[in-house]
Amino acid sequence: LIENVLKLYSNKLKAKNIRVEREFSQCPPI
C-alpha cells in the first residue's frame, strides 16, 4: 500500500529531490 502511495506522489517527491528511506520488516497483513 505504501509503495502505491509513493508512486502517486512520485512527481511531488522528485520536484523537491526528496529521498525516501524504507525499512520494511517482515509483518503480517492487516
PDB file of all heavy atoms in Angstrom:
ATOM      1  N   LEU A   1       0.841  -1.211   0.000  1.00  0.00           N
ATOM      2  CA  LEU A   1       0.000   0.000   0.000  1.00  0.00           C
ATOM      3  C   LEU A   1       0.867   1.248   0.000  1.00  0.00           C
ATOM      4  O   LEU A   1       0.588   2.230  -0.718  1.00  0.00           O
ATOM      5  CB  LEU A   1      -0.918  -0.030   1.217  1.00  0.00           C
ATOM      6  CG  LEU A   1      -1.944   1.096   1.348  1.00  0.00           C
ATOM      7  CD1 LEU A   1      -3.227   0.574   2.004  1.00  0.00           C
ATOM      8  CD2 LEU A   1      -1.390   2.237   2.177  1.00  0.00           C
ATOM      9  N   ILE A   2       1.959   1.229   0.786  1.00  0.00           N
ATOM     10  CA  ILE A   2       2.840   2.400   0.870  1.00  0.00           C
ATOM     11  C   ILE A   2       3.530   2.652  -0.459  1.00  0.00           C
ATOM     12  O   ILE A   2       3.652   3.801  -0.915  1.00  0.00           O
ATOM     13  CB  ILE A   2       3.869   2.202   2.004  1.00  0.00           C
ATOM     14  CG1 ILE A   2       3.153   2.172   3.359  1.00  0.00           C
ATOM     15  CG2 ILE A   2       4.924   3.294   1.983  1.00  0.00           C
ATOM     16  CD1 ILE A   2       4.026   1.753   4.515  1.00  0.00           C
ATOM     17  N   GLU A   3       3.980   1.591  -1.115  1.00  0.00           N
ATOM     18  CA  GLU A   3       4.643   1.757  -2.400  1.00  0.00           C
ATOM     19  C   GLU A   3       3.694   2.378  -3.423  1.00  0.00           C
ATOM     20  O   GLU A   3       4.087   3.232  -4.233  1.00  0.00           O
ATOM     21  CB  GLU A   3       5.155   0.408  -2.903  1.00  0.00           C
ATOM     22  CG  GLU A   3       6.324  -0.162  -2.113  1.00  0.00           C
ATOM     23  CD  GLU A   3       7.575   0.699  -2.211  1.00  0.00           C
ATOM     24  OE1 GLU A   3       7.665   1.564  -3.106  1.00  0.00           O
ATOM     25  OE2 GLU A   3       8.480   0.524  -1.362  1.00  0.00           O
ATOM     26  N   ASN A   4       2.434   1.962  -3.402  1.00  0.00           N
ATOM     27  CA  ASN A   4       1.455   2.542  -4.322  1.00  0.00           C
ATOM     28  C   ASN A   4       1.273   4.029  -4.070  1.00  0.00           C
ATOM     29  O   ASN A   4       1.149   4.841  -5.003  1.00  0.00           O
ATOM     30  CB  ASN A   4       0.119   1.812  -4.212  1.00  0.00           C
ATOM     31  CG  ASN A   4       0.197   0.388  -4.743  1.00  0.00           C
ATOM     32  OD1 ASN A   4       1.028   0.067  -5.614  1.00  0.00           O
ATOM     33  ND2 ASN A   4      -0.673  -0.477  -4.242  1.00  0.00           N
ATOM     34  N   VAL A   5       1.251   4.410  -2.767  1.00  0.00           N
ATOM     35  CA  VAL A   5       1.095   5.834  -2.433  1.00  0.00           C
ATOM     36  C   VAL A   5       2.322   6.614  -2.886  1.00  0.00           C
ATOM     37  O   VAL A   5       2.218   7.736  -3.405  1.00  0.00           O
ATOM     38  CB  VAL A   5       0.848   6.005  -0.921  1.00  0.00           C
ATOM     39  CG1 VAL A   5       0.865   7.480  -0.544  1.00  0.00           C
ATOM     40  CG2 VAL A   5      -0.471   5.373  -0.520  1.00  0.00           C
ATOM     41  N   LEU A   6       3.523   6.044  -2.699  1.00  0.00           N
ATOM     42  CA  LEU A   6       4.752   6.726  -3.119  1.00  0.00           C
ATOM     43  C   LEU A   6       4.765   6.927  -4.619  1.00  0.00           C
ATOM     44  O   LEU A   6       5.279   7.939  -5.132  1.00  0.00           O
ATOM     45  CB  LEU A   6       5.976   5.931  -2.658  1.00  0.00           C
ATOM     46  CG  LEU A   6       6.241   5.927  -1.137  1.00  0.00           C
ATOM     47  CD1 LEU A   6       7.409   5.013  -0.795  1.00  0.00           C
ATOM     48  CD2 LEU A   6       6.528   7.340  -0.641  1.00  0.00           C
ATOM     49  N   LYS A   7       4.249   5.931  -5.377  1.00  0.00           N
ATOM     50  CA  LYS A   7       4.146   6.111  -6.828  1.00  0.00           C
ATOM     51  C   LYS A   7       3.239   7.283  -7.158  1.00  0.00           C
ATOM     52  O   LYS A   7       3.502   8.062  -8.081  1.00  0.00           O
ATOM     53  CB  LYS A   7       3.612   4.839  -7.487  1.00  0.00           C
ATOM     54  CG  LYS A   7       4.598   3.669  -7.478  1.00  0.00           C
ATOM     55  CD  LYS A   7       3.962   2.439  -8.129  1.00  0.00           C
ATOM     56  CE  LYS A   7       4.919   1.239  -8.103  1.00  0.00           C
ATOM     57  NZ  LYS A   7       4.300   0.026  -8.711  1.00  0.00           N
ATOM     58  N   LEU A   8       2.160   7.426  -6.382  1.00  0.00           N
ATOM     59  CA  LEU A   8       1.214   8.512  -6.625  1.00  0.00           C
ATOM     60  C   LEU A   8       1.876   9.875  -6.441  1.00  0.00           C
ATOM     61  O   LEU A   8       1.614  10.816  -7.196  1.00  0.00           O
ATOM     62  CB  LEU A   8       0.004   8.370  -5.688  1.00  0.00           C
ATOM     63  CG  LEU A   8      -1.059   9.469  -5.741  1.00  0.00           C
ATOM     64  CD1 LEU A   8      -1.699   9.494  -7.139  1.00  0.00           C
ATOM     65  CD2 LEU A   8      -2.113   9.248  -4.683  1.00  0.00           C
ATOM     66  N   TYR A   9       2.762   9.964  -5.414  1.00  0.00           N
ATOM     67  CA  TYR A   9       3.397  11.251  -5.119  1.00  0.00           C
ATOM     68  C   TYR A   9       4.820  11.316  -5.684  1.00  0.00           C
ATOM     69  O   TYR A   9       5.629  12.126  -5.231  1.00  0.00           O
ATOM     70  CB  TYR A   9       3.449  11.482  -3.606  1.00  0.00           C
ATOM     71  CG  TYR A   9       2.097  11.789  -3.012  1.00  0.00           C
ATOM     72  CD1 TYR A   9       1.384  10.810  -2.330  1.00  0.00           C
ATOM     73  CD2 TYR A   9       1.529  13.058  -3.155  1.00  0.00           C
ATOM     74  CE1 TYR A   9       0.139  11.080  -1.796  1.00  0.00           C
ATOM     75  CE2 TYR A   9       0.284  13.336  -2.619  1.00  0.00           C
ATOM     76  CZ  TYR A   9      -0.417  12.349  -1.942  1.00  0.00           C
ATOM     77  OH  TYR A   9      -1.647  12.630  -1.420  1.00  0.00           O
ATOM     78  N   SER A  10       5.138  10.452  -6.675  1.00  0.00           N
ATOM     79  CA  SER A  10       6.496  10.415  -7.210  1.00  0.00           C
ATOM     80  C   SER A  10       6.899  11.756  -7.827  1.00  0.00           C
ATOM     81  O   SER A  10       8.029  12.210  -7.649  1.00  0.00           O
ATOM     82  CB  SER A  10       6.624   9.288  -8.236  1.00  0.00           C
ATOM     83  OG  SER A  10       5.681   9.484  -9.294  1.00  0.00           O
ATOM     84  N   ASN A  11       5.992  12.375  -8.556  1.00  0.00           N
ATOM     85  CA  ASN A  11       6.331  13.662  -9.164  1.00  0.00           C
ATOM     86  C   ASN A  11       6.608  14.729  -8.111  1.00  0.00           C
ATOM     87  O   ASN A  11       7.530  15.545  -8.240  1.00  0.00           O
ATOM     88  CB  ASN A  11       5.201  14.114 -10.093  1.00  0.00           C
ATOM     89  CG  ASN A  11       5.081  13.235 -11.320  1.00  0.00           C
ATOM     90  OD1 ASN A  11       6.068  12.629 -11.752  1.00  0.00           O
ATOM     91  ND2 ASN A  11       3.884  13.146 -11.880  1.00  0.00           N
ATOM     92  N   LYS A  12       5.817  14.733  -7.046  1.00  0.00           N
ATOM     93  CA  LYS A  12       5.997  15.722  -5.963  1.00  0.00           C
ATOM     94  C   LYS A  12       7.327  15.504  -5.253  1.00  0.00           C
ATOM     95  O   LYS A  12       8.035  16.459  -4.903  1.00  0.00           O
ATOM     96  CB  LYS A  12       4.830  15.614  -4.979  1.00  0.00           C
ATOM     97  CG  LYS A  12       4.818  16.675  -3.895  1.00  0.00           C
ATOM     98  CD  LYS A  12       3.549  16.562  -3.074  1.00  0.00           C
ATOM     99  CE  LYS A  12       3.461  17.677  -2.043  1.00  0.00           C
ATOM    100  NZ  LYS A  12       2.224  17.606  -1.228  1.00  0.00           N
ATOM    101  N   LEU A  13       7.672  14.235  -5.053  1.00  0.00           N
ATOM    102  CA  LEU A  13       8.927  13.917  -4.376  1.00  0.00           C
ATOM    103  C   LEU A  13      10.117  14.277  -5.257  1.00  0.00           C
ATOM    104  O   LEU A  13      11.137  14.786  -4.765  1.00  0.00           O
ATOM    105  CB  LEU A  13       8.962  12.437  -4.004  1.00  0.00           C
ATOM    106  CG  LEU A  13       7.875  11.968  -3.015  1.00  0.00           C
ATOM    107  CD1 LEU A  13       7.923  10.451  -2.845  1.00  0.00           C
ATOM    108  CD2 LEU A  13       8.046  12.645  -1.661  1.00  0.00           C
ATOM    109  N   LYS A  14      10.008  14.017  -6.563  1.00  0.00           N
ATOM    110  CA  LYS A  14      11.104  14.342  -7.472  1.00  0.00           C
ATOM    111  C   LYS A  14      11.280  15.856  -7.582  1.00  0.00           C
ATOM    112  O   LYS A  14      12.415  16.349  -7.737  1.00  0.00           O
ATOM    113  CB  LYS A  14      10.839  13.741  -8.849  1.00  0.00           C
ATOM    114  CG  LYS A  14      10.956  12.225  -8.901  1.00  0.00           C
ATOM    115  CD  LYS A  14      10.633  11.699 -10.290  1.00  0.00           C
ATOM    116  CE  LYS A  14      10.720  10.161 -10.348  1.00  0.00           C
ATOM    117  NZ  LYS A  14      10.381   9.635 -11.694  1.00  0.00           N
ATOM    118  N   ALA A  15      10.185  16.606  -7.539  1.00  0.00           N
ATOM    119  CA  ALA A  15      10.279  18.060  -7.685  1.00  0.00           C
ATOM    120  C   ALA A  15      11.116  18.684  -6.568  1.00  0.00           C
ATOM    121  O   ALA A  15      11.824  19.672  -6.786  1.00  0.00           O
ATOM    122  CB  ALA A  15       8.881  18.677  -7.710  1.00  0.00           C
ATOM    123  N   LYS A  16      11.079  18.121  -5.382  1.00  0.00           N
ATOM    124  CA  LYS A  16      11.855  18.653  -4.254  1.00  0.00           C
ATOM    125  C   LYS A  16      13.080  17.806  -3.959  1.00  0.00           C
ATOM    126  O   LYS A  16      13.765  18.036  -2.951  1.00  0.00           O
ATOM    127  CB  LYS A  16      10.976  18.738  -3.002  1.00  0.00           C
ATOM    128  CG  LYS A  16       9.814  19.708  -3.135  1.00  0.00           C
ATOM    129  CD  LYS A  16       8.958  19.758  -1.887  1.00  0.00           C
ATOM    130  CE  LYS A  16       9.679  20.407  -0.745  1.00  0.00           C
ATOM    131  NZ  LYS A  16       8.793  20.591   0.444  1.00  0.00           N
ATOM    132  N   ASN A  17      13.354  16.824  -4.856  1.00  0.00           N
ATOM    133  CA  ASN A  17      14.521  15.947  -4.689  1.00  0.00           C
ATOM    134  C   ASN A  17      14.514  15.321  -3.287  1.00  0.00           C
ATOM    135  O   ASN A  17      15.536  15.299  -2.586  1.00  0.00           O
ATOM    136  CB  ASN A  17      15.817  16.719  -4.925  1.00  0.00           C
ATOM    137  CG  ASN A  17      16.981  15.771  -5.178  1.00  0.00           C
ATOM    138  OD1 ASN A  17      16.793  14.623  -5.622  1.00  0.00           O
ATOM    139  ND2 ASN A  17      18.183  16.217  -4.881  1.00  0.00           N
ATOM    140  N   ILE A  18      13.353  14.810  -2.878  1.00  0.00           N
ATOM    141  CA  ILE A  18      13.192  14.217  -1.547  1.00  0.00           C
ATOM    142  C   ILE A  18      13.613  12.757  -1.610  1.00  0.00           C
ATOM    143  O   ILE A  18      13.191  11.997  -2.489  1.00  0.00           O
ATOM    144  CB  ILE A  18      11.737  14.345  -1.064  1.00  0.00           C
ATOM    145  CG1 ILE A  18      11.350  15.824  -0.930  1.00  0.00           C
ATOM    146  CG2 ILE A  18      11.540  13.613   0.275  1.00  0.00           C
ATOM    147  CD1 ILE A  18       9.895  16.053  -0.611  1.00  0.00           C
ATOM    148  N   ARG A  19      14.460  12.382  -0.671  1.00  0.00           N
ATOM    149  CA  ARG A  19      14.922  10.999  -0.570  1.00  0.00           C
ATOM    150  C   ARG A  19      14.019  10.243   0.393  1.00  0.00           C
ATOM    151  O   ARG A  19      13.762  10.708   1.511  1.00  0.00           O
ATOM    152  CB  ARG A  19      16.365  10.963  -0.083  1.00  0.00           C
ATOM    153  CG  ARG A  19      16.956   9.542  -0.033  1.00  0.00           C
ATOM    154  CD  ARG A  19      18.435   9.547   0.319  1.00  0.00           C
ATOM    155  NE  ARG A  19      18.677  10.031   1.662  1.00  0.00           N
ATOM    156  CZ  ARG A  19      19.110  11.268   1.956  1.00  0.00           C
ATOM    157  NH1 ARG A  19      19.317  12.143   0.972  1.00  0.00           N
ATOM    158  NH2 ARG A  19      19.333  11.625   3.193  1.00  0.00           N
ATOM    159  N   VAL A  20      13.530   9.069  -0.050  1.00  0.00           N
ATOM    160  CA  VAL A  20      12.641   8.243   0.766  1.00  0.00           C
ATOM    161  C   VAL A  20      13.419   7.015   1.221  1.00  0.00           C
ATOM    162  O   VAL A  20      13.896   6.223   0.387  1.00  0.00           O
ATOM    163  CB  VAL A  20      11.369   7.829   0.001  1.00  0.00           C
ATOM    164  CG1 VAL A  20      10.497   6.941   0.887  1.00  0.00           C
ATOM    165  CG2 VAL A  20      10.599   9.065  -0.451  1.00  0.00           C
ATOM    166  N   GLU A  21      13.545   6.878   2.560  1.00  0.00           N
ATOM    167  CA  GLU A  21      14.218   5.714   3.128  1.00  0.00           C
ATOM    168  C   GLU A  21      13.168   4.740   3.626  1.00  0.00           C
ATOM    169  O   GLU A  21      12.258   5.132   4.378  1.00  0.00           O
ATOM    170  CB  GLU A  21      15.139   6.145   4.278  1.00  0.00           C
ATOM    171  CG  GLU A  21      16.264   7.080   3.844  1.00  0.00           C
ATOM    172  CD  GLU A  21      17.143   7.492   5.011  1.00  0.00           C
ATOM    173  OE1 GLU A  21      16.797   7.142   6.164  1.00  0.00           O
ATOM    174  OE2 GLU A  21      18.173   8.171   4.781  1.00  0.00           O
ATOM    175  N   ARG A  22      13.291   3.472   3.211  1.00  0.00           N
ATOM    176  CA  ARG A  22      12.307   2.466   3.594  1.00  0.00           C
ATOM    177  C   ARG A  22      12.960   1.449   4.519  1.00  0.00           C
ATOM    178  O   ARG A  22      14.103   1.035   4.301  1.00  0.00           O
ATOM    179  CB  ARG A  22      11.751   1.767   2.355  1.00  0.00           C
ATOM    180  CG  ARG A  22      11.084   2.677   1.337  1.00  0.00           C
ATOM    181  CD  ARG A  22      10.859   1.943   0.041  1.00  0.00           C
ATOM    182  NE  ARG A  22      10.137   2.712  -0.954  1.00  0.00           N
ATOM    183  CZ  ARG A  22      10.695   3.608  -1.758  1.00  0.00           C
ATOM    184  NH1 ARG A  22      12.002   3.861  -1.671  1.00  0.00           N
ATOM    185  NH2 ARG A  22       9.959   4.252  -2.664  1.00  0.00           N
ATOM    186  N   GLU A  23      12.201   1.023   5.502  1.00  0.00           N
ATOM    187  CA  GLU A  23      12.644  -0.065   6.394  1.00  0.00           C
ATOM    188  C   GLU A  23      11.418  -0.916   6.691  1.00  0.00           C
ATOM    189  O   GLU A  23      10.695  -0.682   7.668  1.00  0.00           O
ATOM    190  CB  GLU A  23      13.263   0.480   7.682  1.00  0.00           C
ATOM    191  CG  GLU A  23      13.864  -0.615   8.560  1.00  0.00           C
ATOM    192  CD  GLU A  23      14.567  -0.055   9.775  1.00  0.00           C
ATOM    193  OE1 GLU A  23      14.918   1.151   9.774  1.00  0.00           O
ATOM    194  OE2 GLU A  23      14.772  -0.817  10.746  1.00  0.00           O
ATOM    195  N   PHE A  24      11.181  -1.890   5.823  1.00  0.00           N
ATOM    196  CA  PHE A  24      10.002  -2.745   5.937  1.00  0.00           C
ATOM    197  C   PHE A  24      10.426  -4.107   6.509  1.00  0.00           C
ATOM    198  O   PHE A  24      11.117  -4.879   5.844  1.00  0.00           O
ATOM    199  CB  PHE A  24       9.330  -2.933   4.581  1.00  0.00           C
ATOM    200  CG  PHE A  24       8.842  -1.643   3.959  1.00  0.00           C
ATOM    201  CD1 PHE A  24       8.662  -1.534   2.569  1.00  0.00           C
ATOM    202  CD2 PHE A  24       8.557  -0.549   4.759  1.00  0.00           C
ATOM    203  CE1 PHE A  24       8.205  -0.366   1.999  1.00  0.00           C
ATOM    204  CE2 PHE A  24       8.090   0.629   4.184  1.00  0.00           C
ATOM    205  CZ  PHE A  24       7.924   0.728   2.824  1.00  0.00           C
ATOM    206  N   SER A  25      10.041  -4.374   7.724  1.00  0.00           N
ATOM    207  CA  SER A  25      10.327  -5.675   8.349  1.00  0.00           C
ATOM    208  C   SER A  25       9.240  -6.669   7.964  1.00  0.00           C
ATOM    209  O   SER A  25       8.160  -6.303   7.462  1.00  0.00           O
ATOM    210  CB  SER A  25      10.400  -5.526   9.867  1.00  0.00           C
ATOM    211  OG  SER A  25      11.387  -4.591  10.231  1.00  0.00           O
ATOM    212  N   GLN A  26       9.542  -7.964   8.228  1.00  0.00           N
ATOM    213  CA  GLN A  26       8.539  -8.996   7.975  1.00  0.00           C
ATOM    214  C   GLN A  26       7.357  -8.787   8.921  1.00  0.00           C
ATOM    215  O   GLN A  26       7.509  -8.733  10.138  1.00  0.00           O
ATOM    216  CB  GLN A  26       9.144 -10.383   8.204  1.00  0.00           C
ATOM    217  CG  GLN A  26      10.168 -10.786   7.160  1.00  0.00           C
ATOM    218  CD  GLN A  26       9.534 -10.946   5.792  1.00  0.00           C
ATOM    219  OE1 GLN A  26       8.367 -11.329   5.669  1.00  0.00           O
ATOM    220  NE2 GLN A  26      10.304 -10.676   4.734  1.00  0.00           N
ATOM    221  N   CYS A  27       6.184  -8.625   8.372  1.00  0.00           N
ATOM    222  CA  CYS A  27       4.992  -8.427   9.194  1.00  0.00           C
ATOM    223  C   CYS A  27       3.781  -8.965   8.449  1.00  0.00           C
ATOM    224  O   CYS A  27       3.745  -8.958   7.214  1.00  0.00           O
ATOM    225  CB  CYS A  27       4.789  -6.952   9.538  1.00  0.00           C
ATOM    226  SG  CYS A  27       4.620  -5.882   8.104  1.00  0.00           S
ATOM    227  N   PRO A  28       2.792  -9.431   9.169  1.00  0.00           N
ATOM    228  CA  PRO A  28       1.593  -9.978   8.529  1.00  0.00           C
ATOM    229  C   PRO A  28       0.703  -8.864   8.003  1.00  0.00           C
ATOM    230  O   PRO A  28       0.824  -7.702   8.418  1.00  0.00           O
ATOM    231  CB  PRO A  28       0.913 -10.729   9.671  1.00  0.00           C
ATOM    232  CG  PRO A  28       1.323  -9.989  10.895  1.00  0.00           C
ATOM    233  CD  PRO A  28       2.728  -9.520  10.655  1.00  0.00           C
ATOM    234  N   PRO A  29      -0.201  -9.183   7.107  1.00  0.00           N
ATOM    235  CA  PRO A  29      -1.168  -8.177   6.642  1.00  0.00           C
ATOM    236  C   PRO A  29      -2.165  -7.841   7.753  1.00  0.00           C
ATOM    237  O   PRO A  29      -2.257  -8.525   8.765  1.00  0.00           O
ATOM    238  CB  PRO A  29      -1.833  -8.862   5.452  1.00  0.00           C
ATOM    239  CG  PRO A  29      -1.707 -10.320   5.731  1.00  0.00           C
ATOM    240  CD  PRO A  29      -0.387 -10.494   6.445  1.00  0.00           C
ATOM    241  N   ILE A  30      -2.908  -6.784   7.542  1.00  0.00           N
ATOM    242  CA  ILE A  30      -3.928  -6.376   8.497  1.00  0.00           C
ATOM    243  C   ILE A  30      -5.285  -6.419   7.829  1.00  0.00           C
ATOM    244  O   ILE A  30      -5.389  -6.399   6.589  1.00  0.00           O
ATOM    245  CB  ILE A  30      -3.652  -4.964   9.044  1.00  0.00           C
ATOM    246  CG1 ILE A  30      -3.678  -3.931   7.898  1.00  0.00           C
ATOM    247  CG2 ILE A  30      -2.323  -4.907   9.792  1.00  0.00           C
ATOM    248  CD1 ILE A  30      -3.552  -2.504   8.391  1.00  0.00           C
TER     249      ILE A  30
END
